[in-house]
Amino acid sequence: MPNDYTGEQKARGGRFAVVVARYNEFVTRRLLDGALETLIAGGVPDANIDVAWTPGAFEIPVTAGRMAQSGMYAAVLCLGAVIRGETTHDQHINRSVSHFIAEISVRTGVPVLFGVLTCDTVEQAINRSGGNKGNKGAECAQAALEMVGLLKKLPGGRPK
């Protein structure tokens, strides 16, 4: 029988950082609310959650990187909403942000979660931030809790 490693969606200590873009705040605020509710329901005390606001999604990686490198956080959640406009600007933002978030996570060993919506329309963004498609901020927080638990169980990890 193989060894099976899974994380739980309950916090066992540690601090959590949430980096959220102010651009499209009518959407990102809802993502943040979902993430905070989920973290708190998962056992993270309110005082163990730090929220950093960036001007936009493009600035999320540098902020998330600083927080992940600090050694203070069990996980860093990245929340934003990039909505397609008349040009391909959104594609460049999405590609850069997703690439660097993944790189930060691998480089630091800290779960850095991608909760940035990449939508074609405002309606899609609203639906994914608490509308009929759920709340991607809450899903991001659930994944953060699970990853923290999983990494604590894996060999060679460092406890947070």
N, C-alpha and C. Protein backbone atom coordinates (compact mmCIF):
# COMPACT_ATOMS: atom_id res chain seq x y z
N MET A 1 0.84 -1.18 0.00
CA MET A 1 0.00 0.00 0.00
C MET A 1 0.89 1.25 0.00
N PRO A 2 0.68 2.19 -0.91
CA PRO A 2 1.51 3.39 -0.96
C PRO A 2 1.18 4.35 0.19
N ASN A 3 2.15 5.20 0.52
CA ASN A 3 1.90 6.27 1.49
C ASN A 3 1.07 7.34 0.81
N ASP A 4 0.07 7.82 1.48
CA ASP A 4 -0.85 8.81 0.92
C ASP A 4 -0.77 10.08 1.76
N TYR A 5 -0.40 11.19 1.14
CA TYR A 5 -0.30 12.47 1.84
C TYR A 5 -1.42 13.39 1.37
N THR A 6 -2.18 13.90 2.31
CA THR A 6 -3.21 14.88 2.00
C THR A 6 -3.22 15.95 3.08
N GLY A 7 -3.63 17.13 2.69
CA GLY A 7 -3.75 18.22 3.66
C GLY A 7 -5.20 18.37 4.08
N GLU A 8 -5.38 18.94 5.24
CA GLU A 8 -6.72 19.23 5.74
C GLU A 8 -7.04 20.69 5.49
N GLN A 9 -8.30 21.03 5.57
CA GLN A 9 -8.69 22.42 5.39
C GLN A 9 -8.93 23.09 6.73
N LYS A 10 -8.08 22.76 7.69
CA LYS A 10 -8.10 23.37 9.01
C LYS A 10 -6.70 23.87 9.33
N ALA A 11 -6.63 25.04 9.90
CA ALA A 11 -5.34 25.62 10.25
C ALA A 11 -4.81 24.98 11.52
N ARG A 12 -3.53 24.77 11.54
CA ARG A 12 -2.84 24.27 12.73
C ARG A 12 -1.75 25.28 13.10
N GLY A 13 -2.14 26.52 13.26
CA GLY A 13 -1.19 27.58 13.59
C GLY A 13 -0.68 28.26 12.33
N GLY A 14 0.10 29.28 12.52
CA GLY A 14 0.70 29.99 11.41
C GLY A 14 -0.05 31.24 11.01
N ARG A 15 0.65 32.09 10.31
CA ARG A 15 0.09 33.34 9.79
C ARG A 15 -0.16 33.17 8.29
N PHE A 16 -1.13 33.90 7.80
CA PHE A 16 -1.48 33.87 6.39
C PHE A 16 -1.46 35.31 5.86
N ALA A 17 -0.93 35.47 4.66
CA ALA A 17 -0.91 36.77 3.99
C ALA A 17 -1.88 36.72 2.82
N VAL A 18 -2.56 37.82 2.61
CA VAL A 18 -3.44 37.96 1.45
C VAL A 18 -3.00 39.22 0.72
N VAL A 19 -2.63 39.06 -0.54
CA VAL A 19 -2.26 40.19 -1.39
C VAL A 19 -3.43 40.39 -2.35
N VAL A 20 -4.01 41.58 -2.34
CA VAL A 20 -5.21 41.82 -3.13
C VAL A 20 -5.05 43.11 -3.93
N ALA A 21 -5.43 43.06 -5.20
CA ALA A 21 -5.33 44.22 -6.08
C ALA A 21 -6.52 45.15 -5.86
N ARG A 22 -6.24 46.43 -5.79
CA ARG A 22 -7.29 47.43 -5.62
C ARG A 22 -8.05 47.68 -6.96
N TYR A 23 -7.35 47.48 -8.08
CA TYR A 23 -8.01 47.67 -9.38
C TYR A 23 -9.15 46.66 -9.51
N ASN A 24 -10.29 47.12 -9.95
CA ASN A 24 -11.52 46.31 -10.00
C ASN A 24 -11.95 45.90 -8.58
N GLU A 25 -11.84 46.84 -7.66
CA GLU A 25 -12.13 46.57 -6.25
C GLU A 25 -13.57 46.09 -6.02
N PHE A 26 -14.48 46.45 -6.88
CA PHE A 26 -15.86 45.97 -6.72
C PHE A 26 -15.91 44.44 -6.84
N VAL A 27 -14.90 43.85 -7.45
CA VAL A 27 -14.77 42.39 -7.55
C VAL A 27 -13.79 41.87 -6.50
N THR A 28 -12.63 42.51 -6.38
CA THR A 28 -11.58 41.99 -5.50
C THR A 28 -11.98 42.06 -4.03
N ARG A 29 -12.78 43.03 -3.66
CA ARG A 29 -13.26 43.11 -2.28
C ARG A 29 -14.09 41.87 -1.94
N ARG A 30 -14.89 41.41 -2.90
CA ARG A 30 -15.70 40.20 -2.69
C ARG A 30 -14.82 38.95 -2.60
N LEU A 31 -13.76 38.92 -3.40
CA LEU A 31 -12.80 37.81 -3.30
C LEU A 31 -12.15 37.79 -1.92
N LEU A 32 -11.75 38.97 -1.46
CA LEU A 32 -11.13 39.09 -0.15
C LEU A 32 -12.09 38.64 0.95
N ASP A 33 -13.34 39.08 0.88
CA ASP A 33 -14.33 38.68 1.88
C ASP A 33 -14.47 37.16 1.94
N GLY A 34 -14.54 36.52 0.77
CA GLY A 34 -14.64 35.07 0.72
C GLY A 34 -13.42 34.39 1.30
N ALA A 35 -12.24 34.92 1.00
CA ALA A 35 -10.99 34.34 1.51
C ALA A 35 -10.93 34.48 3.03
N LEU A 36 -11.24 35.65 3.54
CA LEU A 36 -11.18 35.88 4.98
C LEU A 36 -12.16 34.98 5.73
N GLU A 37 -13.38 34.90 5.23
CA GLU A 37 -14.39 34.03 5.86
C GLU A 37 -13.90 32.59 5.92
N THR A 38 -13.31 32.12 4.84
CA THR A 38 -12.85 30.74 4.77
C THR A 38 -11.66 30.49 5.69
N LEU A 39 -10.71 31.41 5.72
CA LEU A 39 -9.56 31.25 6.62
C LEU A 39 -10.01 31.22 8.07
N ILE A 40 -10.89 32.14 8.44
CA ILE A 40 -11.36 32.20 9.82
C ILE A 40 -12.17 30.96 10.18
N ALA A 41 -13.04 30.52 9.26
CA ALA A 41 -13.80 29.28 9.49
C ALA A 41 -12.88 28.08 9.59
N GLY A 42 -11.71 28.15 8.94
CA GLY A 42 -10.73 27.07 8.97
C GLY A 42 -9.83 27.11 10.20
N GLY A 43 -10.08 28.04 11.10
CA GLY A 43 -9.34 28.07 12.34
C GLY A 43 -8.22 29.09 12.42
N VAL A 44 -8.09 29.94 11.43
CA VAL A 44 -7.04 30.97 11.47
C VAL A 44 -7.58 32.17 12.25
N PRO A 45 -6.93 32.53 13.35
CA PRO A 45 -7.40 33.72 14.08
C PRO A 45 -7.27 34.97 13.21
N ASP A 46 -8.21 35.86 13.35
CA ASP A 46 -8.23 37.12 12.60
C ASP A 46 -6.88 37.85 12.72
N ALA A 47 -6.29 37.83 13.89
CA ALA A 47 -5.03 38.52 14.13
C ALA A 47 -3.86 37.87 13.40
N ASN A 48 -4.04 36.66 12.85
CA ASN A 48 -2.98 35.95 12.13
C ASN A 48 -3.12 36.09 10.62
N ILE A 49 -3.91 37.06 10.19
CA ILE A 49 -4.10 37.31 8.76
C ILE A 49 -3.67 38.74 8.46
N ASP A 50 -2.73 38.89 7.54
CA ASP A 50 -2.28 40.20 7.10
C ASP A 50 -2.73 40.41 5.66
N VAL A 51 -3.29 41.58 5.37
CA VAL A 51 -3.78 41.90 4.03
C VAL A 51 -2.97 43.06 3.48
N ALA A 52 -2.41 42.88 2.28
CA ALA A 52 -1.66 43.94 1.60
C ALA A 52 -2.37 44.28 0.30
N TRP A 53 -2.70 45.54 0.11
CA TRP A 53 -3.38 46.02 -1.09
C TRP A 53 -2.36 46.54 -2.09
N THR A 54 -2.44 46.09 -3.33
CA THR A 54 -1.59 46.61 -4.40
C THR A 54 -2.44 47.46 -5.33
N PRO A 55 -1.82 48.33 -6.13
CA PRO A 55 -2.62 49.12 -7.06
C PRO A 55 -3.37 48.26 -8.08
N GLY A 56 -2.70 47.25 -8.59
CA GLY A 56 -3.32 46.39 -9.60
C GLY A 56 -2.76 44.99 -9.52
N ALA A 57 -3.19 44.13 -10.44
CA ALA A 57 -2.73 42.74 -10.45
C ALA A 57 -1.25 42.63 -10.79
N PHE A 58 -0.74 43.51 -11.63
CA PHE A 58 0.65 43.43 -12.05
C PHE A 58 1.61 43.56 -10.87
N GLU A 59 1.19 44.26 -9.83
CA GLU A 59 2.04 44.49 -8.66
C GLU A 59 1.92 43.38 -7.61
N ILE A 60 1.04 42.42 -7.84
CA ILE A 60 0.87 41.33 -6.88
C ILE A 60 2.15 40.52 -6.67
N PRO A 61 2.85 40.09 -7.74
CA PRO A 61 4.03 39.23 -7.51
C PRO A 61 5.12 39.84 -6.63
N VAL A 62 5.45 41.10 -6.81
CA VAL A 62 6.53 41.68 -6.00
C VAL A 62 6.11 41.72 -4.53
N THR A 63 4.86 41.99 -4.28
CA THR A 63 4.35 42.04 -2.90
C THR A 63 4.29 40.64 -2.31
N ALA A 64 3.76 39.70 -3.08
CA ALA A 64 3.68 38.31 -2.62
C ALA A 64 5.08 37.74 -2.39
N GLY A 65 6.02 38.09 -3.25
CA GLY A 65 7.39 37.63 -3.10
C GLY A 65 8.01 38.12 -1.81
N ARG A 66 7.81 39.39 -1.51
CA ARG A 66 8.35 39.95 -0.27
C ARG A 66 7.76 39.23 0.94
N MET A 67 6.46 38.98 0.89
CA MET A 67 5.81 38.33 2.02
C MET A 67 6.24 36.87 2.15
N ALA A 68 6.34 36.16 1.05
CA ALA A 68 6.77 34.76 1.09
C ALA A 68 8.21 34.64 1.59
N GLN A 69 9.07 35.54 1.15
CA GLN A 69 10.49 35.49 1.54
C GLN A 69 10.70 35.88 2.99
N SER A 70 9.75 36.55 3.60
CA SER A 70 9.91 37.02 4.98
C SER A 70 10.01 35.88 5.99
N GLY A 71 9.49 34.72 5.64
CA GLY A 71 9.48 33.60 6.57
C GLY A 71 8.40 33.70 7.62
N MET A 72 7.56 34.71 7.53
CA MET A 72 6.51 34.93 8.53
C MET A 72 5.22 34.17 8.24
N TYR A 73 5.04 33.72 6.99
CA TYR A 73 3.73 33.23 6.58
C TYR A 73 3.75 31.76 6.17
N ALA A 74 2.69 31.06 6.56
CA ALA A 74 2.50 29.67 6.15
C ALA A 74 2.07 29.61 4.69
N ALA A 75 1.34 30.64 4.23
CA ALA A 75 0.88 30.71 2.84
C ALA A 75 0.59 32.16 2.49
N VAL A 76 0.64 32.45 1.19
CA VAL A 76 0.32 33.77 0.67
C VAL A 76 -0.75 33.59 -0.41
N LEU A 77 -1.89 34.25 -0.22
CA LEU A 77 -2.97 34.20 -1.20
C LEU A 77 -2.91 35.44 -2.07
N CYS A 78 -3.03 35.27 -3.38
CA CYS A 78 -2.98 36.39 -4.32
C CYS A 78 -4.35 36.52 -4.98
N LEU A 79 -4.99 37.68 -4.79
CA LEU A 79 -6.34 37.91 -5.31
C LEU A 79 -6.36 39.13 -6.21
N GLY A 80 -7.01 39.00 -7.35
CA GLY A 80 -7.13 40.11 -8.28
C GLY A 80 -8.19 39.79 -9.32
N ALA A 81 -8.45 40.76 -10.17
CA ALA A 81 -9.43 40.58 -11.25
C ALA A 81 -8.94 41.34 -12.47
N VAL A 82 -8.55 40.59 -13.49
CA VAL A 82 -8.13 41.18 -14.76
C VAL A 82 -9.24 40.87 -15.75
N ILE A 83 -9.85 41.92 -16.27
CA ILE A 83 -10.99 41.77 -17.18
C ILE A 83 -10.59 42.28 -18.55
N ARG A 84 -10.86 41.46 -19.56
CA ARG A 84 -10.49 41.79 -20.94
C ARG A 84 -11.08 43.14 -21.35
N GLY A 85 -10.27 43.91 -22.04
CA GLY A 85 -10.72 45.19 -22.58
C GLY A 85 -10.68 45.15 -24.10
N GLU A 86 -10.38 46.28 -24.70
CA GLU A 86 -10.37 46.38 -26.16
C GLU A 86 -9.06 45.91 -26.78
N THR A 87 -8.02 45.73 -25.95
CA THR A 87 -6.71 45.31 -26.47
C THR A 87 -6.31 43.98 -25.82
N THR A 88 -5.10 43.54 -26.09
CA THR A 88 -4.59 42.29 -25.49
C THR A 88 -3.82 42.54 -24.20
N HIS A 89 -3.93 43.72 -23.66
CA HIS A 89 -3.23 44.09 -22.43
C HIS A 89 -3.47 43.06 -21.32
N ASP A 90 -4.71 42.60 -21.19
CA ASP A 90 -5.05 41.64 -20.14
C ASP A 90 -4.24 40.35 -20.26
N GLN A 91 -3.99 39.90 -21.47
CA GLN A 91 -3.25 38.66 -21.67
C GLN A 91 -1.82 38.78 -21.15
N HIS A 92 -1.21 39.94 -21.38
CA HIS A 92 0.15 40.16 -20.92
C HIS A 92 0.21 40.21 -19.39
N ILE A 93 -0.74 40.87 -18.80
CA ILE A 93 -0.82 40.94 -17.34
C ILE A 93 -1.01 39.53 -16.77
N ASN A 94 -2.00 38.80 -17.29
CA ASN A 94 -2.31 37.47 -16.77
C ASN A 94 -1.12 36.52 -16.87
N ARG A 95 -0.45 36.53 -18.00
CA ARG A 95 0.69 35.64 -18.21
C ARG A 95 1.82 35.96 -17.22
N SER A 96 2.14 37.23 -17.09
CA SER A 96 3.22 37.63 -16.18
C SER A 96 2.89 37.30 -14.73
N VAL A 97 1.70 37.67 -14.31
CA VAL A 97 1.31 37.46 -12.92
C VAL A 97 1.30 35.97 -12.58
N SER A 98 0.69 35.16 -13.42
CA SER A 98 0.62 33.72 -13.13
C SER A 98 2.02 33.09 -13.11
N HIS A 99 2.85 33.48 -14.04
CA HIS A 99 4.21 32.94 -14.09
C HIS A 99 4.99 33.27 -12.82
N PHE A 100 4.97 34.52 -12.42
CA PHE A 100 5.77 34.92 -11.27
C PHE A 100 5.21 34.42 -9.95
N ILE A 101 3.89 34.28 -9.84
CA ILE A 101 3.32 33.70 -8.63
C ILE A 101 3.81 32.26 -8.47
N ALA A 102 3.77 31.51 -9.55
CA ALA A 102 4.26 30.12 -9.50
C ALA A 102 5.74 30.09 -9.16
N GLU A 103 6.52 30.96 -9.75
CA GLU A 103 7.96 30.99 -9.49
C GLU A 103 8.27 31.31 -8.03
N ILE A 104 7.54 32.24 -7.46
CA ILE A 104 7.76 32.61 -6.05
C ILE A 104 7.49 31.40 -5.16
N SER A 105 6.43 30.70 -5.43
CA SER A 105 6.06 29.55 -4.61
C SER A 105 7.14 28.47 -4.68
N VAL A 106 7.60 28.16 -5.86
CA VAL A 106 8.62 27.12 -6.02
C VAL A 106 9.94 27.57 -5.39
N ARG A 107 10.30 28.82 -5.61
CA ARG A 107 11.58 29.33 -5.10
C ARG A 107 11.61 29.40 -3.57
N THR A 108 10.51 29.80 -2.94
CA THR A 108 10.50 29.98 -1.49
C THR A 108 10.04 28.75 -0.73
N GLY A 109 9.31 27.85 -1.38
CA GLY A 109 8.74 26.70 -0.68
C GLY A 109 7.49 27.04 0.09
N VAL A 110 7.02 28.27 -0.03
CA VAL A 110 5.80 28.72 0.63
C VAL A 110 4.66 28.63 -0.39
N PRO A 111 3.53 28.04 -0.02
CA PRO A 111 2.40 28.04 -0.95
C PRO A 111 1.97 29.47 -1.27
N VAL A 112 2.05 29.84 -2.53
CA VAL A 112 1.60 31.14 -3.00
C VAL A 112 0.49 30.84 -4.00
N LEU A 113 -0.74 31.15 -3.63
CA LEU A 113 -1.91 30.69 -4.37
C LEU A 113 -2.44 31.74 -5.34
N PHE A 114 -2.83 31.24 -6.50
CA PHE A 114 -3.31 32.07 -7.60
C PHE A 114 -4.83 32.22 -7.51
N GLY A 115 -5.28 33.34 -7.00
CA GLY A 115 -6.70 33.65 -6.93
C GLY A 115 -7.02 34.88 -7.76
N VAL A 116 -6.36 34.99 -8.91
CA VAL A 116 -6.56 36.14 -9.80
C VAL A 116 -7.53 35.72 -10.89
N LEU A 117 -8.66 36.39 -10.96
CA LEU A 117 -9.63 36.10 -12.01
C LEU A 117 -9.11 36.62 -13.33
N THR A 118 -9.31 35.85 -14.38
CA THR A 118 -8.91 36.25 -15.74
C THR A 118 -10.16 36.10 -16.61
N CYS A 119 -10.96 37.13 -16.63
CA CYS A 119 -12.31 37.05 -17.22
C CYS A 119 -12.43 37.87 -18.51
N ASP A 120 -13.36 37.43 -19.34
CA ASP A 120 -13.66 38.16 -20.57
C ASP A 120 -14.60 39.33 -20.31
N THR A 121 -15.46 39.20 -19.29
CA THR A 121 -16.47 40.23 -19.04
C THR A 121 -16.59 40.53 -17.55
N VAL A 122 -17.16 41.67 -17.24
CA VAL A 122 -17.45 42.04 -15.86
C VAL A 122 -18.43 41.03 -15.25
N GLU A 123 -19.40 40.61 -16.03
CA GLU A 123 -20.39 39.63 -15.54
C GLU A 123 -19.69 38.34 -15.08
N GLN A 124 -18.73 37.86 -15.85
CA GLN A 124 -17.98 36.66 -15.45
C GLN A 124 -17.25 36.90 -14.13
N ALA A 125 -16.65 38.06 -13.99
CA ALA A 125 -15.91 38.37 -12.77
C ALA A 125 -16.84 38.41 -11.56
N ILE A 126 -17.99 39.00 -11.71
CA ILE A 126 -18.97 39.05 -10.62
C ILE A 126 -19.44 37.65 -10.26
N ASN A 127 -19.71 36.84 -11.27
CA ASN A 127 -20.16 35.46 -11.03
C ASN A 127 -19.12 34.64 -10.29
N ARG A 128 -17.84 34.92 -10.50
CA ARG A 128 -16.77 34.15 -9.88
C ARG A 128 -16.30 34.74 -8.55
N SER A 129 -16.89 35.85 -8.16
CA SER A 129 -16.50 36.49 -6.90
C SER A 129 -17.67 36.51 -5.91
N GLY A 130 -18.46 35.47 -5.96
CA GLY A 130 -19.58 35.37 -5.03
C GLY A 130 -20.92 35.24 -5.71
N GLY A 131 -20.91 35.22 -7.03
CA GLY A 131 -22.16 35.04 -7.78
C GLY A 131 -22.45 33.57 -7.97
N ASN A 132 -23.07 33.24 -9.08
CA ASN A 132 -23.53 31.86 -9.29
C ASN A 132 -22.41 30.87 -9.62
N LYS A 133 -21.18 31.32 -9.73
CA LYS A 133 -20.03 30.42 -9.99
C LYS A 133 -19.17 30.27 -8.73
N GLY A 134 -19.68 30.65 -7.59
CA GLY A 134 -18.93 30.53 -6.34
C GLY A 134 -18.04 31.73 -6.10
N ASN A 135 -17.14 31.59 -5.16
CA ASN A 135 -16.21 32.66 -4.82
C ASN A 135 -14.79 32.11 -4.91
N LYS A 136 -14.05 32.56 -5.89
CA LYS A 136 -12.69 32.07 -6.11
C LYS A 136 -11.74 32.50 -4.99
N GLY A 137 -12.07 33.55 -4.26
CA GLY A 137 -11.28 33.92 -3.09
C GLY A 137 -11.41 32.87 -2.00
N ALA A 138 -12.63 32.38 -1.78
CA ALA A 138 -12.87 31.31 -0.81
C ALA A 138 -12.17 30.04 -1.24
N GLU A 139 -12.23 29.72 -2.52
CA GLU A 139 -11.56 28.52 -3.03
C GLU A 139 -10.05 28.63 -2.87
N CYS A 140 -9.52 29.81 -3.06
CA CYS A 140 -8.08 30.06 -2.90
C CYS A 140 -7.69 29.83 -1.44
N ALA A 141 -8.50 30.30 -0.51
CA ALA A 141 -8.22 30.11 0.91
C ALA A 141 -8.30 28.64 1.30
N GLN A 142 -9.26 27.92 0.75
CA GLN A 142 -9.37 26.48 1.02
C GLN A 142 -8.10 25.76 0.55
N ALA A 143 -7.65 26.13 -0.64
CA ALA A 143 -6.43 25.52 -1.18
C ALA A 143 -5.21 25.87 -0.31
N ALA A 144 -5.17 27.10 0.20
CA ALA A 144 -4.06 27.52 1.06
C ALA A 144 -4.02 26.67 2.33
N LEU A 145 -5.16 26.50 2.97
CA LEU A 145 -5.23 25.68 4.19
C LEU A 145 -4.77 24.25 3.90
N GLU A 146 -5.26 23.71 2.79
CA GLU A 146 -4.90 22.34 2.44
C GLU A 146 -3.42 22.20 2.13
N MET A 147 -2.85 23.15 1.41
CA MET A 147 -1.43 23.09 1.07
C MET A 147 -0.54 23.21 2.30
N VAL A 148 -0.91 24.07 3.23
CA VAL A 148 -0.13 24.21 4.46
C VAL A 148 -0.12 22.88 5.20
N GLY A 149 -1.30 22.25 5.31
CA GLY A 149 -1.37 20.95 5.97
C GLY A 149 -0.59 19.87 5.24
N LEU A 150 -0.68 19.88 3.92
CA LEU A 150 0.04 18.89 3.12
C LEU A 150 1.55 19.04 3.28
N LEU A 151 2.05 20.25 3.16
CA LEU A 151 3.50 20.46 3.25
C LEU A 151 4.05 20.10 4.62
N LYS A 152 3.24 20.27 5.66
CA LYS A 152 3.69 19.87 7.00
C LYS A 152 3.86 18.37 7.10
N LYS A 153 3.10 17.61 6.32
CA LYS A 153 3.17 16.15 6.38
C LYS A 153 4.26 15.56 5.49
N LEU A 154 4.67 16.29 4.47
CA LEU A 154 5.66 15.76 3.53
C LEU A 154 7.05 15.70 4.15
N PRO A 155 7.84 14.72 3.77
CA PRO A 155 9.21 14.64 4.28
C PRO A 155 10.04 15.84 3.82
N GLY A 156 10.95 16.27 4.68
CA GLY A 156 11.87 17.34 4.30
C GLY A 156 11.31 18.73 4.44
N GLY A 157 10.10 18.85 4.93
CA GLY A 157 9.50 20.18 5.06
C GLY A 157 9.94 20.87 6.31
N ARG A 158 9.70 22.15 6.34
CA ARG A 158 10.01 22.92 7.54
C ARG A 158 8.67 23.31 8.19
N PRO A 159 8.52 23.04 9.46
CA PRO A 159 7.26 23.39 10.12
C PRO A 159 7.09 24.89 10.23
N LYS A 160 5.87 25.35 10.08
CA LYS A 160 5.54 26.78 10.22
C LYS A 160 4.81 26.99 11.50
